[in-house]
PDB file of all heavy atoms in Angstrom:
ATOM      1  N   ARG A   1      46.975  -0.135  37.143  1.00  0.00           N
ATOM      2  CA  ARG A   1      47.446  -1.504  36.889  1.00  0.00           C
ATOM      3  C   ARG A   1      48.883  -1.698  37.374  1.00  0.00           C
ATOM      4  O   ARG A   1      49.227  -2.772  37.861  1.00  0.00           O
ATOM      5  CB  ARG A   1      47.333  -1.812  35.395  1.00  0.00           C
ATOM      6  CG  ARG A   1      45.897  -1.937  34.909  1.00  0.00           C
ATOM      7  CD  ARG A   1      45.811  -2.354  33.454  1.00  0.00           C
ATOM      8  NE  ARG A   1      44.427  -2.478  33.032  1.00  0.00           N
ATOM      9  CZ  ARG A   1      44.055  -2.851  31.810  1.00  0.00           C
ATOM     10  NH1 ARG A   1      45.001  -3.121  30.900  1.00  0.00           N
ATOM     11  NH2 ARG A   1      42.784  -2.943  31.496  1.00  0.00           N
ATOM     12  N   GLU A   2      49.703  -0.692  37.231  1.00  0.00           N
ATOM     13  CA  GLU A   2      51.076  -0.774  37.735  1.00  0.00           C
ATOM     14  C   GLU A   2      51.071  -0.969  39.252  1.00  0.00           C
ATOM     15  O   GLU A   2      51.846  -1.761  39.791  1.00  0.00           O
ATOM     16  CB  GLU A   2      51.853   0.488  37.366  1.00  0.00           C
ATOM     17  CG  GLU A   2      52.211   0.590  35.890  1.00  0.00           C
ATOM     18  CD  GLU A   2      52.940   1.882  35.571  1.00  0.00           C
ATOM     19  OE1 GLU A   2      53.000   2.765  36.462  1.00  0.00           O
ATOM     20  OE2 GLU A   2      53.430   2.019  34.439  1.00  0.00           O
ATOM     21  N   ASN A   3      50.188  -0.237  39.935  1.00  0.00           N
ATOM     22  CA  ASN A   3      50.077  -0.388  41.384  1.00  0.00           C
ATOM     23  C   ASN A   3      49.594  -1.782  41.758  1.00  0.00           C
ATOM     24  O   ASN A   3      50.066  -2.373  42.735  1.00  0.00           O
ATOM     25  CB  ASN A   3      49.122   0.662  41.953  1.00  0.00           C
ATOM     26  CG  ASN A   3      49.690   2.067  41.894  1.00  0.00           C
ATOM     27  OD1 ASN A   3      50.904   2.236  41.853  1.00  0.00           O
ATOM     28  ND2 ASN A   3      48.828   3.069  41.886  1.00  0.00           N
ATOM     29  N   GLU A   4      48.653  -2.326  40.983  1.00  0.00           N
ATOM     30  CA  GLU A   4      48.144  -3.672  41.252  1.00  0.00           C
ATOM     31  C   GLU A   4      49.251  -4.712  41.091  1.00  0.00           C
ATOM     32  O   GLU A   4      49.381  -5.638  41.900  1.00  0.00           O
ATOM     33  CB  GLU A   4      46.981  -4.005  40.309  1.00  0.00           C
ATOM     34  CG  GLU A   4      45.680  -3.283  40.652  1.00  0.00           C
ATOM     35  CD  GLU A   4      44.547  -3.713  39.745  1.00  0.00           C
ATOM     36  OE1 GLU A   4      44.837  -4.193  38.623  1.00  0.00           O
ATOM     37  OE2 GLU A   4      43.383  -3.595  40.152  1.00  0.00           O
ATOM     38  N   VAL A   5      50.056  -4.576  40.027  1.00  0.00           N
ATOM     39  CA  VAL A   5      51.158  -5.511  39.793  1.00  0.00           C
ATOM     40  C   VAL A   5      52.183  -5.410  40.916  1.00  0.00           C
ATOM     41  O   VAL A   5      52.691  -6.436  41.406  1.00  0.00           O
ATOM     42  CB  VAL A   5      51.826  -5.221  38.432  1.00  0.00           C
ATOM     43  CG1 VAL A   5      53.112  -6.028  38.281  1.00  0.00           C
ATOM     44  CG2 VAL A   5      50.864  -5.552  37.300  1.00  0.00           C
ATOM     45  N   GLU A   6      52.489  -4.188  41.340  1.00  0.00           N
ATOM     46  CA  GLU A   6      53.452  -3.986  42.427  1.00  0.00           C
ATOM     47  C   GLU A   6      52.948  -4.618  43.727  1.00  0.00           C
ATOM     48  O   GLU A   6      53.706  -5.264  44.442  1.00  0.00           O
ATOM     49  CB  GLU A   6      53.699  -2.491  42.624  1.00  0.00           C
ATOM     50  CG  GLU A   6      54.761  -2.187  43.670  1.00  0.00           C
ATOM     51  CD  GLU A   6      55.044  -0.705  43.791  1.00  0.00           C
ATOM     52  OE1 GLU A   6      54.620   0.060  42.899  1.00  0.00           O
ATOM     53  OE2 GLU A   6      55.693  -0.306  44.769  1.00  0.00           O
ATOM     54  N   GLN A   7      51.669  -4.429  44.023  1.00  0.00           N
ATOM     55  CA  GLN A   7      51.086  -5.021  45.228  1.00  0.00           C
ATOM     56  C   GLN A   7      51.087  -6.536  45.149  1.00  0.00           C
ATOM     57  O   GLN A   7      51.343  -7.224  46.146  1.00  0.00           O
ATOM     58  CB  GLN A   7      49.662  -4.508  45.425  1.00  0.00           C
ATOM     59  CG  GLN A   7      49.584  -3.036  45.799  1.00  0.00           C
ATOM     60  CD  GLN A   7      48.160  -2.513  45.836  1.00  0.00           C
ATOM     61  OE1 GLN A   7      47.205  -3.271  45.657  1.00  0.00           O
ATOM     62  NE2 GLN A   7      48.010  -1.210  46.058  1.00  0.00           N
ATOM     63  N   LEU A   8      50.807  -7.080  43.957  1.00  0.00           N
ATOM     64  CA  LEU A   8      50.808  -8.530  43.783  1.00  0.00           C
ATOM     65  C   LEU A   8      52.209  -9.095  43.967  1.00  0.00           C
ATOM     66  O   LEU A   8      52.388 -10.116  44.647  1.00  0.00           O
ATOM     67  CB  LEU A   8      50.281  -8.892  42.389  1.00  0.00           C
ATOM     68  CG  LEU A   8      50.266 -10.398  42.044  1.00  0.00           C
ATOM     69  CD1 LEU A   8      49.405 -11.157  43.039  1.00  0.00           C
ATOM     70  CD2 LEU A   8      49.762 -10.609  40.627  1.00  0.00           C
ATOM     71  N   ASN A   9      53.207  -8.431  43.392  1.00  0.00           N
ATOM     72  CA  ASN A   9      54.591  -8.881  43.560  1.00  0.00           C
ATOM     73  C   ASN A   9      55.004  -8.848  45.023  1.00  0.00           C
ATOM     74  O   ASN A   9      55.659  -9.762  45.523  1.00  0.00           O
ATOM     75  CB  ASN A   9      55.536  -8.003  42.732  1.00  0.00           C
ATOM     76  CG  ASN A   9      55.446  -8.286  41.244  1.00  0.00           C
ATOM     77  OD1 ASN A   9      55.038  -9.378  40.848  1.00  0.00           O
ATOM     78  ND2 ASN A   9      55.808  -7.315  40.428  1.00  0.00           N
ATOM     79  N   ASP A  10      54.630  -7.775  45.712  1.00  0.00           N
ATOM     80  CA  ASP A  10      54.948  -7.644  47.138  1.00  0.00           C
ATOM     81  C   ASP A  10      54.287  -8.763  47.929  1.00  0.00           C
ATOM     82  O   ASP A  10      54.888  -9.357  48.823  1.00  0.00           O
ATOM     83  CB  ASP A  10      54.481  -6.286  47.642  1.00  0.00           C
ATOM     84  CG  ASP A  10      54.857  -6.049  49.098  1.00  0.00           C
ATOM     85  OD1 ASP A  10      56.067  -6.026  49.383  1.00  0.00           O
ATOM     86  OD2 ASP A  10      53.961  -5.901  49.938  1.00  0.00           O
ATOM     87  N   LYS A  11      53.031  -9.081  47.574  1.00  0.00           N
ATOM     88  CA  LYS A  11      52.299 -10.150  48.258  1.00  0.00           C
ATOM     89  C   LYS A  11      52.960 -11.504  48.027  1.00  0.00           C
ATOM     90  O   LYS A  11      53.124 -12.303  48.953  1.00  0.00           O
ATOM     91  CB  LYS A  11      50.852 -10.186  47.761  1.00  0.00           C
ATOM     92  CG  LYS A  11      49.988 -11.245  48.438  1.00  0.00           C
ATOM     93  CD  LYS A  11      48.565 -11.195  47.912  1.00  0.00           C
ATOM     94  CE  LYS A  11      47.705 -12.255  48.576  1.00  0.00           C
ATOM     95  NZ  LYS A  11      46.302 -12.222  48.049  1.00  0.00           N
ATOM     96  N   LEU A  12      53.357 -11.753  46.774  1.00  0.00           N
ATOM     97  CA  LEU A  12      53.988 -13.036  46.448  1.00  0.00           C
ATOM     98  C   LEU A  12      55.328 -13.185  47.163  1.00  0.00           C
ATOM     99  O   LEU A  12      55.657 -14.259  47.669  1.00  0.00           O
ATOM    100  CB  LEU A  12      54.188 -13.150  44.933  1.00  0.00           C
ATOM    101  CG  LEU A  12      52.912 -13.304  44.104  1.00  0.00           C
ATOM    102  CD1 LEU A  12      53.244 -13.248  42.618  1.00  0.00           C
ATOM    103  CD2 LEU A  12      52.204 -14.615  44.434  1.00  0.00           C
ATOM    104  N   VAL A  13      56.103 -12.102  47.213  1.00  0.00           N
ATOM    105  CA  VAL A  13      57.389 -12.140  47.908  1.00  0.00           C
ATOM    106  C   VAL A  13      57.186 -12.426  49.381  1.00  0.00           C
ATOM    107  O   VAL A  13      57.843 -13.280  49.976  1.00  0.00           O
ATOM    108  CB  VAL A  13      58.155 -10.815  47.711  1.00  0.00           C
ATOM    109  CG1 VAL A  13      59.360 -10.758  48.633  1.00  0.00           C
ATOM    110  CG2 VAL A  13      58.609 -10.673  46.265  1.00  0.00           C
ATOM    111  N   LYS A  14      56.250 -11.706  49.987  1.00  0.00           N
ATOM    112  CA  LYS A  14      56.000 -11.880  51.410  1.00  0.00           C
ATOM    113  C   LYS A  14      55.505 -13.290  51.722  1.00  0.00           C
ATOM    114  O   LYS A  14      55.927 -13.924  52.676  1.00  0.00           O
ATOM    115  CB  LYS A  14      54.988 -10.846  51.903  1.00  0.00           C
ATOM    116  CG  LYS A  14      55.577  -9.452  52.076  1.00  0.00           C
ATOM    117  CD  LYS A  14      54.578  -8.513  52.729  1.00  0.00           C
ATOM    118  CE  LYS A  14      55.204  -7.169  53.020  1.00  0.00           C
ATOM    119  NZ  LYS A  14      54.245  -6.231  53.648  1.00  0.00           N
ATOM    120  N   GLN A  15      54.570 -13.789  50.901  1.00  0.00           N
ATOM    121  CA  GLN A  15      54.028 -15.123  51.151  1.00  0.00           C
ATOM    122  C   GLN A  15      55.103 -16.190  51.032  1.00  0.00           C
ATOM    123  O   GLN A  15      55.064 -17.200  51.736  1.00  0.00           O
ATOM    124  CB  GLN A  15      52.879 -15.419  50.170  1.00  0.00           C
ATOM    125  CG  GLN A  15      51.608 -14.674  50.505  1.00  0.00           C
ATOM    126  CD  GLN A  15      50.470 -15.032  49.568  1.00  0.00           C
ATOM    127  OE1 GLN A  15      50.674 -15.580  48.483  1.00  0.00           O
ATOM    128  NE2 GLN A  15      49.263 -14.729  49.976  1.00  0.00           N
ATOM    129  N   GLY A  16      56.072 -15.957  50.152  1.00  0.00           N
ATOM    130  CA  GLY A  16      57.155 -16.921  50.028  1.00  0.00           C
ATOM    131  C   GLY A  16      58.139 -16.831  51.175  1.00  0.00           C
ATOM    132  O   GLY A  16      58.505 -17.840  51.774  1.00  0.00           O
ATOM    133  N   LEU A  17      58.518 -15.613  51.550  1.00  0.00           N
ATOM    134  CA  LEU A  17      59.546 -15.427  52.569  1.00  0.00           C
ATOM    135  C   LEU A  17      59.052 -15.746  53.974  1.00  0.00           C
ATOM    136  O   LEU A  17      59.808 -16.264  54.793  1.00  0.00           O
ATOM    137  CB  LEU A  17      60.069 -13.988  52.523  1.00  0.00           C
ATOM    138  CG  LEU A  17      60.873 -13.594  51.280  1.00  0.00           C
ATOM    139  CD1 LEU A  17      61.280 -12.129  51.371  1.00  0.00           C
ATOM    140  CD2 LEU A  17      62.101 -14.473  51.122  1.00  0.00           C
ATOM    141  N   VAL A  18      57.790 -15.423  54.265  1.00  0.00           N
ATOM    142  CA  VAL A  18      57.313 -15.630  55.635  1.00  0.00           C
ATOM    143  C   VAL A  18      57.247 -17.100  56.011  1.00  0.00           C
ATOM    144  O   VAL A  18      57.089 -17.433  57.184  1.00  0.00           O
ATOM    145  CB  VAL A  18      55.925 -14.986  55.864  1.00  0.00           C
ATOM    146  CG1 VAL A  18      55.992 -13.491  55.713  1.00  0.00           C
ATOM    147  CG2 VAL A  18      54.878 -15.577  54.925  1.00  0.00           C
ATOM    148  N   ARG A  19      57.362 -17.976  55.043  1.00  0.00           N
ATOM    149  CA  ARG A  19      57.392 -19.399  55.364  1.00  0.00           C
ATOM    150  C   ARG A  19      58.740 -19.825  55.928  1.00  0.00           C
ATOM    151  O   ARG A  19      58.881 -20.929  56.447  1.00  0.00           O
ATOM    152  CB  ARG A  19      57.068 -20.233  54.120  1.00  0.00           C
ATOM    153  CG  ARG A  19      55.633 -20.065  53.636  1.00  0.00           C
ATOM    154  CD  ARG A  19      55.393 -20.866  52.378  1.00  0.00           C
ATOM    155  NE  ARG A  19      54.015 -20.742  51.937  1.00  0.00           N
ATOM    156  CZ  ARG A  19      53.038 -21.561  52.286  1.00  0.00           C
ATOM    157  NH1 ARG A  19      53.299 -22.568  53.082  1.00  0.00           N
ATOM    158  NH2 ARG A  19      51.807 -21.385  51.854  1.00  0.00           N
ATOM    159  N   PHE A  20      59.742 -18.966  55.803  1.00  0.00           N
ATOM    160  CA  PHE A  20      61.081 -19.319  56.243  1.00  0.00           C
ATOM    161  C   PHE A  20      61.689 -18.331  57.236  1.00  0.00           C
ATOM    162  O   PHE A  20      62.515 -18.729  58.056  1.00  0.00           O
ATOM    163  CB  PHE A  20      62.023 -19.416  55.027  1.00  0.00           C
ATOM    164  CG  PHE A  20      61.539 -20.371  53.976  1.00  0.00           C
ATOM    165  CD1 PHE A  20      60.819 -19.913  52.887  1.00  0.00           C
ATOM    166  CD2 PHE A  20      61.782 -21.732  54.089  1.00  0.00           C
ATOM    167  CE1 PHE A  20      60.364 -20.791  51.920  1.00  0.00           C
ATOM    168  CE2 PHE A  20      61.326 -22.606  53.121  1.00  0.00           C
ATOM    169  CZ  PHE A  20      60.616 -22.146  52.040  1.00  0.00           C
ATOM    170  N   LEU A  21      61.309 -17.074  57.127  1.00  0.00           N
ATOM    171  CA  LEU A  21      62.006 -16.029  57.877  1.00  0.00           C
ATOM    172  C   LEU A  21      61.083 -15.293  58.840  1.00  0.00           C
ATOM    173  O   LEU A  21      59.892 -15.153  58.582  1.00  0.00           O
ATOM    174  CB  LEU A  21      62.610 -15.010  56.906  1.00  0.00           C
ATOM    175  CG  LEU A  21      63.552 -15.565  55.833  1.00  0.00           C
ATOM    176  CD1 LEU A  21      63.913 -14.461  54.858  1.00  0.00           C
ATOM    177  CD2 LEU A  21      64.799 -16.148  56.464  1.00  0.00           C
ATOM    178  N   PRO A  22      61.655 -14.806  59.949  1.00  0.00           N
ATOM    179  CA  PRO A  22      60.880 -13.974  60.873  1.00  0.00           C
ATOM    180  C   PRO A  22      60.413 -12.698  60.171  1.00  0.00           C
ATOM    181  O   PRO A  22      61.066 -12.215  59.240  1.00  0.00           O
ATOM    182  CB  PRO A  22      61.886 -13.646  61.981  1.00  0.00           C
ATOM    183  CG  PRO A  22      62.928 -14.710  61.886  1.00  0.00           C
ATOM    184  CD  PRO A  22      63.023 -15.041  60.427  1.00  0.00           C
ATOM    185  N   PRO A  23      59.306 -12.114  60.618  1.00  0.00           N
ATOM    186  CA  PRO A  23      58.739 -10.929  59.954  1.00  0.00           C
ATOM    187  C   PRO A  23      59.728  -9.780  59.793  1.00  0.00           C
ATOM    188  O   PRO A  23      59.748  -9.120  58.749  1.00  0.00           O
ATOM    189  CB  PRO A  23      57.582 -10.542  60.887  1.00  0.00           C
ATOM    190  CG  PRO A  23      57.178 -11.820  61.533  1.00  0.00           C
ATOM    191  CD  PRO A  23      58.453 -12.597  61.722  1.00  0.00           C
ATOM    192  N   GLU A  24      60.562  -9.510  60.824  1.00  0.00           N
ATOM    193  CA  GLU A  24      61.471  -8.375  60.719  1.00  0.00           C
ATOM    194  C   GLU A  24      62.524  -8.587  59.636  1.00  0.00           C
ATOM    195  O   GLU A  24      62.978  -7.641  58.996  1.00  0.00           O
ATOM    196  CB  GLU A  24      62.151  -8.092  62.067  1.00  0.00           C
ATOM    197  CG  GLU A  24      63.048  -9.193  62.589  1.00  0.00           C
ATOM    198  CD  GLU A  24      62.307 -10.210  63.440  1.00  0.00           C
ATOM    199  OE1 GLU A  24      61.062 -10.252  63.339  1.00  0.00           O
ATOM    200  OE2 GLU A  24      62.969 -10.928  64.199  1.00  0.00           O
ATOM    201  N   ILE A  25      62.909  -9.831  59.401  1.00  0.00           N
ATOM    202  CA  ILE A  25      63.878 -10.109  58.341  1.00  0.00           C
ATOM    203  C   ILE A  25      63.208 -10.017  56.979  1.00  0.00           C
ATOM    204  O   ILE A  25      63.809  -9.541  56.009  1.00  0.00           O
ATOM    205  CB  ILE A  25      64.531 -11.491  58.540  1.00  0.00           C
ATOM    206  CG1 ILE A  25      65.360 -11.497  59.831  1.00  0.00           C
ATOM    207  CG2 ILE A  25      65.400 -11.866  57.345  1.00  0.00           C
ATOM    208  CD1 ILE A  25      66.121 -12.773  60.088  1.00  0.00           C
ATOM    209  N   VAL A  26      61.945 -10.437  56.880  1.00  0.00           N
ATOM    210  CA  VAL A  26      61.192 -10.299  55.633  1.00  0.00           C
ATOM    211  C   VAL A  26      61.123  -8.830  55.239  1.00  0.00           C
ATOM    212  O   VAL A  26      61.347  -8.466  54.078  1.00  0.00           O
ATOM    213  CB  VAL A  26      59.773 -10.878  55.780  1.00  0.00           C
ATOM    214  CG1 VAL A  26      58.935 -10.552  54.545  1.00  0.00           C
ATOM    215  CG2 VAL A  26      59.832 -12.389  55.967  1.00  0.00           C
ATOM    216  N   GLU A  27      60.811  -7.969  56.200  1.00  0.00           N
ATOM    217  CA  GLU A  27      60.740  -6.542  55.919  1.00  0.00           C
ATOM    218  C   GLU A  27      62.107  -6.004  55.479  1.00  0.00           C
ATOM    219  O   GLU A  27      62.188  -5.126  54.626  1.00  0.00           O
ATOM    220  CB  GLU A  27      60.253  -5.783  57.155  1.00  0.00           C
ATOM    221  CG  GLU A  27      58.812  -6.085  57.536  1.00  0.00           C
ATOM    222  CD  GLU A  27      57.837  -5.799  56.424  1.00  0.00           C
ATOM    223  OE1 GLU A  27      58.043  -4.827  55.665  1.00  0.00           O
ATOM    224  OE2 GLU A  27      56.852  -6.565  56.283  1.00  0.00           O
ATOM    225  N   GLY A  28      63.174  -6.545  56.070  1.00  0.00           N
ATOM    226  CA  GLY A  28      64.516  -6.122  55.681  1.00  0.00           C
ATOM    227  C   GLY A  28      64.844  -6.495  54.252  1.00  0.00           C
ATOM    228  O   GLY A  28      65.466  -5.724  53.518  1.00  0.00           O
ATOM    229  N   VAL A  29      64.395  -7.678  53.825  1.00  0.00           N
ATOM    230  CA  VAL A  29      64.624  -8.121  52.449  1.00  0.00           C
ATOM    231  C   VAL A  29      63.835  -7.255  51.473  1.00  0.00           C
ATOM    232  O   VAL A  29      64.350  -6.813  50.437  1.00  0.00           O
ATOM    233  CB  VAL A  29      64.222  -9.601  52.288  1.00  0.00           C
ATOM    234  CG1 VAL A  29      64.270 -10.013  50.829  1.00  0.00           C
ATOM    235  CG2 VAL A  29      65.144 -10.492  53.115  1.00  0.00           C
ATOM    236  N   ILE A  30      62.569  -6.985  51.800  1.00  0.00           N
ATOM    237  CA  ILE A  30      61.722  -6.197  50.916  1.00  0.00           C
ATOM    238  C   ILE A  30      62.226  -4.762  50.802  1.00  0.00           C
ATOM    239  O   ILE A  30      62.197  -4.155  49.725  1.00  0.00           O
ATOM    240  CB  ILE A  30      60.263  -6.222  51.418  1.00  0.00           C
ATOM    241  CG1 ILE A  30      59.694  -7.643  51.272  1.00  0.00           C
ATOM    242  CG2 ILE A  30      59.401  -5.231  50.639  1.00  0.00           C
ATOM    243  CD1 ILE A  30      58.319  -7.812  51.847  1.00  0.00           C
ATOM    244  N   SER A  31      62.718  -4.211  51.910  1.00  0.00           N
ATOM    245  CA  SER A  31      63.215  -2.836  51.902  1.00  0.00           C
ATOM    246  C   SER A  31      64.588  -2.716  51.251  1.00  0.00           C
ATOM    247  O   SER A  31      65.030  -1.627  50.910  1.00  0.00           O
ATOM    248  CB  SER A  31      63.287  -2.296  53.331  1.00  0.00           C
ATOM    249  OG  SER A  31      64.290  -2.968  54.079  1.00  0.00           O
TER     250      SER A  31
END
């Protein structure tokens, strides 16, 4: 369940950021 929550959070962050930022910058924010 912890892994599922982490994956969901990562998905939500990516879906929000990719609407504004290029992919390489999204990866920089997540990392």
